[in-house]
Protein backbone atom coordinates (compact mmCIF):
# COMPACT_ATOMS: atom_id res chain seq x y z
CA UNK A 1 164.35 -0.76 158.06
CA UNK A 2 164.69 1.76 160.88
CA UNK A 3 167.26 -0.40 162.68
CA UNK A 4 169.35 -0.75 159.51
CA UNK A 5 169.32 3.02 158.96
CA UNK A 6 170.34 3.66 162.58
CA UNK A 7 173.18 1.14 162.29
CA UNK A 8 174.44 2.75 159.08
CA UNK A 9 174.39 6.17 160.72
CA UNK A 10 176.40 4.94 163.70
CA UNK A 11 179.01 3.36 161.39
CA UNK A 12 179.31 6.59 159.38
CA UNK A 13 179.73 8.64 162.56
CA UNK A 14 182.44 6.34 163.88
CA UNK A 15 184.32 6.48 160.57
CA UNK A 16 184.21 10.27 160.56
CA UNK A 17 185.55 10.34 164.13
CA UNK A 18 188.49 8.11 163.20
CA UNK A 19 189.24 10.32 160.18
CA UNK A 20 189.27 13.48 162.32
CA UNK A 21 191.53 11.90 164.95
CA UNK A 22 193.91 10.62 162.27
CA UNK A 23 194.04 14.03 160.59
CA UNK A 24 194.69 15.68 163.94
CA UNK A 25 197.62 13.36 164.54
CA UNK A 26 199.20 14.28 161.19
CA UNK A 27 198.87 18.02 161.82
CA UNK A 28 200.37 17.63 165.29
CA UNK A 29 203.38 15.73 163.89
CA UNK A 30 204.05 18.46 161.35
CA UNK A 31 204.12 21.10 164.10
CA UNK A 32 206.84 19.41 166.15
CA UNK A 33 209.72 21.86 166.86
CA UNK A 34 212.83 21.60 164.74
CA UNK A 35 216.15 20.67 166.31
CA UNK A 36 218.44 23.40 167.64
CA UNK A 37 221.43 24.26 165.42
CA UNK A 38 224.60 22.29 166.08
CA UNK A 39 226.86 23.80 168.72
CA UNK A 40 229.95 22.84 166.73
CA UNK A 41 228.91 24.02 163.28
CA UNK A 42 230.12 27.30 161.80
CA UNK A 43 227.63 29.73 160.20
CA UNK A 44 225.94 28.73 156.94
CA UNK A 45 228.13 28.74 153.87
CA UNK A 46 226.14 31.24 151.86
CA UNK A 47 227.97 33.18 149.15
CA UNK A 48 229.99 36.13 150.53
CA UNK A 49 228.27 39.49 150.25
CA UNK A 50 231.47 41.34 149.29
CA UNK A 51 233.84 39.00 147.46
CA UNK A 52 237.31 40.41 146.82
CA UNK A 53 238.00 41.16 143.17
CA UNK A 54 241.71 41.04 142.30
CA UNK A 55 243.82 41.73 139.24
CA UNK A 56 245.69 38.70 137.94
CA UNK A 57 247.56 38.45 134.63
CA UNK A 58 245.67 41.38 133.17
CA UNK A 59 242.18 40.20 134.15
CA UNK A 60 239.84 40.42 137.12
CA UNK A 61 239.25 37.35 139.27
CA UNK A 62 236.88 36.70 142.19
CA UNK A 63 239.03 35.38 145.04
CA UNK A 64 235.99 34.02 146.86
CA UNK A 65 235.45 31.67 143.91
CA UNK A 66 239.04 30.83 142.98
CA UNK A 67 242.59 32.14 142.95
CA UNK A 68 242.94 30.39 139.60
CA UNK A 69 246.68 29.85 139.11
CA UNK A 70 247.90 32.57 141.47
CA UNK A 71 250.57 31.68 144.02
CA UNK A 72 250.06 34.77 146.20
CA UNK A 73 247.94 37.91 146.48
CA UNK A 74 248.73 41.32 147.99
CA UNK A 75 246.40 43.95 149.42
CA UNK A 76 248.03 47.20 148.33
CA UNK A 77 247.86 50.52 150.24
CA UNK A 78 245.66 51.89 147.43
CA UNK A 79 243.00 49.30 148.30
CA UNK A 80 243.56 47.30 145.13
CA UNK A 81 244.43 43.60 145.31
CA UNK A 82 246.96 42.06 142.91
CA UNK A 83 247.77 38.36 142.52
CA UNK A 84 250.96 36.83 141.15
CA UNK A 85 252.59 33.71 139.74
CA UNK A 86 255.97 34.26 141.42
CA UNK A 87 257.71 35.96 144.35
CA UNK A 88 259.76 38.15 142.03
CA UNK A 89 256.62 39.41 140.33
CA UNK A 90 255.03 40.27 143.67
CA UNK A 91 258.04 42.21 144.93
CA UNK A 92 258.43 44.05 141.62
CA UNK A 93 254.82 45.30 141.59
CA UNK A 94 255.05 49.08 141.03
CA UNK A 95 252.06 49.54 143.34
CA UNK A 96 254.07 48.17 146.28
CA UNK A 97 255.56 51.13 148.19
CA UNK A 98 259.27 51.63 147.44
CA UNK A 99 260.30 51.75 151.12
CA UNK A 100 258.64 48.38 151.76
CA UNK A 101 260.39 46.87 148.75
CA UNK A 102 263.77 48.28 149.83
CA UNK A 103 263.43 47.02 153.42
CA UNK A 104 262.49 43.55 152.18
CA UNK A 105 265.33 43.32 149.65
CA UNK A 106 267.84 44.50 152.25
CA UNK A 107 266.68 41.87 154.76
CA UNK A 108 266.70 39.10 152.17
CA UNK A 109 270.25 40.00 151.16
CA UNK A 110 271.41 39.81 154.79
CA UNK A 111 269.52 36.61 155.57
CA UNK A 112 272.22 33.95 154.82
CA UNK A 113 274.51 35.10 157.65
CA UNK A 114 274.94 37.61 160.41
CA UNK A 115 272.68 39.03 163.11
CA UNK A 116 270.26 40.47 160.56
CA UNK A 117 269.30 36.96 159.44
CA UNK A 118 266.88 36.53 162.33
CA UNK A 119 265.07 39.71 161.30
CA UNK A 120 264.48 38.58 157.72
CA UNK A 121 260.92 37.55 156.85
CA UNK A 122 260.19 34.00 155.72
CA UNK A 123 259.80 33.22 152.03
CA UNK A 124 257.56 35.63 150.13
CA UNK A 125 256.67 37.81 153.12
CA UNK A 126 257.37 41.54 152.80
CA UNK A 127 258.14 44.22 155.36
CA UNK A 128 255.28 45.74 157.36
CA UNK A 129 252.73 43.27 155.99
CA UNK A 130 250.79 40.54 157.73
CA UNK A 131 251.59 37.41 155.73
CA UNK A 132 249.01 34.63 155.89
CA UNK A 133 250.11 31.18 154.69
CA UNK A 134 247.78 28.32 153.82
CA UNK A 135 250.25 25.60 154.90
CA UNK A 136 252.39 25.18 158.02
CA UNK A 137 256.03 26.23 157.91
CA UNK A 138 255.23 29.42 155.96
CA UNK A 139 254.33 27.47 152.82
CA UNK A 140 251.43 27.17 150.41
CA UNK A 141 249.38 30.01 148.99
CA UNK A 142 250.08 33.36 150.59
CA UNK A 143 247.85 36.36 151.33
CA UNK A 144 249.57 39.63 152.27
CA UNK A 145 247.35 42.03 154.24
CA UNK A 146 248.11 45.68 154.85
CA UNK A 147 245.09 47.82 155.74
CA UNK A 148 243.54 48.16 159.17
CA UNK A 149 240.31 46.35 159.94
CA UNK A 150 238.52 43.00 159.83
CA UNK A 151 238.99 40.70 156.84
CA UNK A 152 236.34 38.06 156.27
CA UNK A 153 238.54 35.29 154.88
CA UNK A 154 235.56 33.77 153.05
CA UNK A 155 235.61 36.86 150.81
CA UNK A 156 239.31 36.22 150.11
CA UNK A 157 238.89 32.51 149.40
CA UNK A 158 240.83 31.57 152.56
CA UNK A 159 238.21 30.62 155.12
CA UNK A 160 239.29 27.72 157.36
CA UNK A 161 242.59 27.41 155.45
CA UNK A 162 245.02 29.46 157.54
CA UNK A 163 247.99 27.48 158.91
CA UNK A 164 250.76 30.05 159.58
CA UNK A 165 251.17 33.81 160.01
CA UNK A 166 254.17 36.11 160.04
CA UNK A 167 254.50 39.84 160.65
CA UNK A 168 257.95 41.26 160.13
CA UNK A 169 258.25 44.87 161.29
CA UNK A 170 260.53 46.73 158.92
CA UNK A 171 260.00 50.19 160.34
CA UNK A 172 259.64 50.48 164.11
CA UNK A 173 258.82 54.18 163.73
CA UNK A 174 255.30 53.24 162.60
CA UNK A 175 252.59 52.01 164.94
CA UNK A 176 252.44 48.39 163.81
CA UNK A 177 249.78 47.31 166.33
CA UNK A 178 248.69 43.66 166.46
CA UNK A 179 246.15 41.25 164.95
CA UNK A 180 243.18 39.20 166.09
CA UNK A 181 241.97 35.88 164.71
CA UNK A 182 238.38 34.66 165.14
CA UNK A 183 236.64 31.35 164.60
CA UNK A 184 232.91 32.05 164.17
CA UNK A 185 230.72 29.57 166.07
CA UNK A 186 227.01 28.77 165.96
CA UNK A 187 224.66 29.50 168.87
CA UNK A 188 224.94 28.89 171.77
CA UNK A 189 228.74 28.52 171.59
CA UNK A 190 230.68 31.80 171.72
CA UNK A 191 233.15 32.73 168.98
CA UNK A 192 236.76 31.71 169.63
CA UNK A 193 239.22 34.62 169.59
CA UNK A 194 243.00 34.96 169.94
CA UNK A 195 245.36 37.93 169.76
CA UNK A 196 248.63 37.81 167.78
CA UNK A 197 251.35 40.14 169.05
CA UNK A 198 254.17 41.04 166.64
CA UNK A 199 256.94 41.19 165.74
CA UNK A 200 257.52 37.58 164.79
CA UNK A 201 255.51 34.69 163.54
CA UNK A 202 253.48 31.59 164.16
CA UNK A 203 254.85 28.98 161.77
CA UNK A 204 252.52 26.13 162.68
CA UNK A 205 248.94 26.69 163.82
CA UNK A 206 248.72 23.05 164.95
CA UNK A 207 250.90 24.24 167.86
CA UNK A 208 248.66 27.23 168.59
CA UNK A 209 246.33 26.27 171.46
CA UNK A 210 242.61 26.56 170.76
CA UNK A 211 240.15 27.46 173.58
CA UNK A 212 238.67 24.28 175.01
CA UNK A 213 241.26 22.00 173.40
CA UNK A 214 242.71 21.33 169.98
CA UNK A 215 244.52 23.88 167.83
CA UNK A 216 243.87 26.79 165.46
CA UNK A 217 244.91 25.09 162.22
CA UNK A 218 242.32 25.57 159.45
CA UNK A 219 239.85 27.27 161.80
CA UNK A 220 240.23 31.04 161.19
CA UNK A 221 237.21 32.83 159.70
CA UNK A 222 238.08 36.46 160.46
CA UNK A 223 241.55 38.05 160.44
CA UNK A 224 241.68 41.54 161.88
CA UNK A 225 244.64 43.89 161.34
CA UNK A 226 244.83 46.44 164.16
CA UNK A 227 247.28 49.24 163.48
CA UNK A 228 245.70 51.78 165.82
């Protein structure tokens, strides 16, 4: 009887030891460090904190969500953003400064011939605005930016979509400055940055060299207008 009891106790002890070791293995596996973030991934695609709200056909739309049917959008000097179905509608906007409208109309009229043709902006661009196109060759949806400062293109519904940029200087008396484009990168890779010096344009971002190889097409996260 005593031997049987001792044997049972030893078996119970051994079973408990196996259980503890097994449990310890499970806990250890759960505490293994997670992998480092990808060096090629851009920051997480959380919803933008300050989406741009624009006026379009008499209603307000969230550009970060959708441009709906709009063909182009303009950041006006007042700070408001208006979107349009046509080029004529954009140029006729009463909120667009008269001198900008006049300079643009004058250049467009001279475009077919003569020395002034080279100074005319591409389709739908207006004087003294940075014109951001979503397709190469100054085509696709167009965002016209005016005010100084950084623009998070995610808030404008244009992140990783930029393919061409033009800045036509209508009035050389103003300090038209330059622009800076940035591709945000995840740790430990540094952000990619390039300066754009006007006047003139970059009609095809596939021809715009990207640091480390490749090109800038569909990579811009931040567009900064620098008029200072």
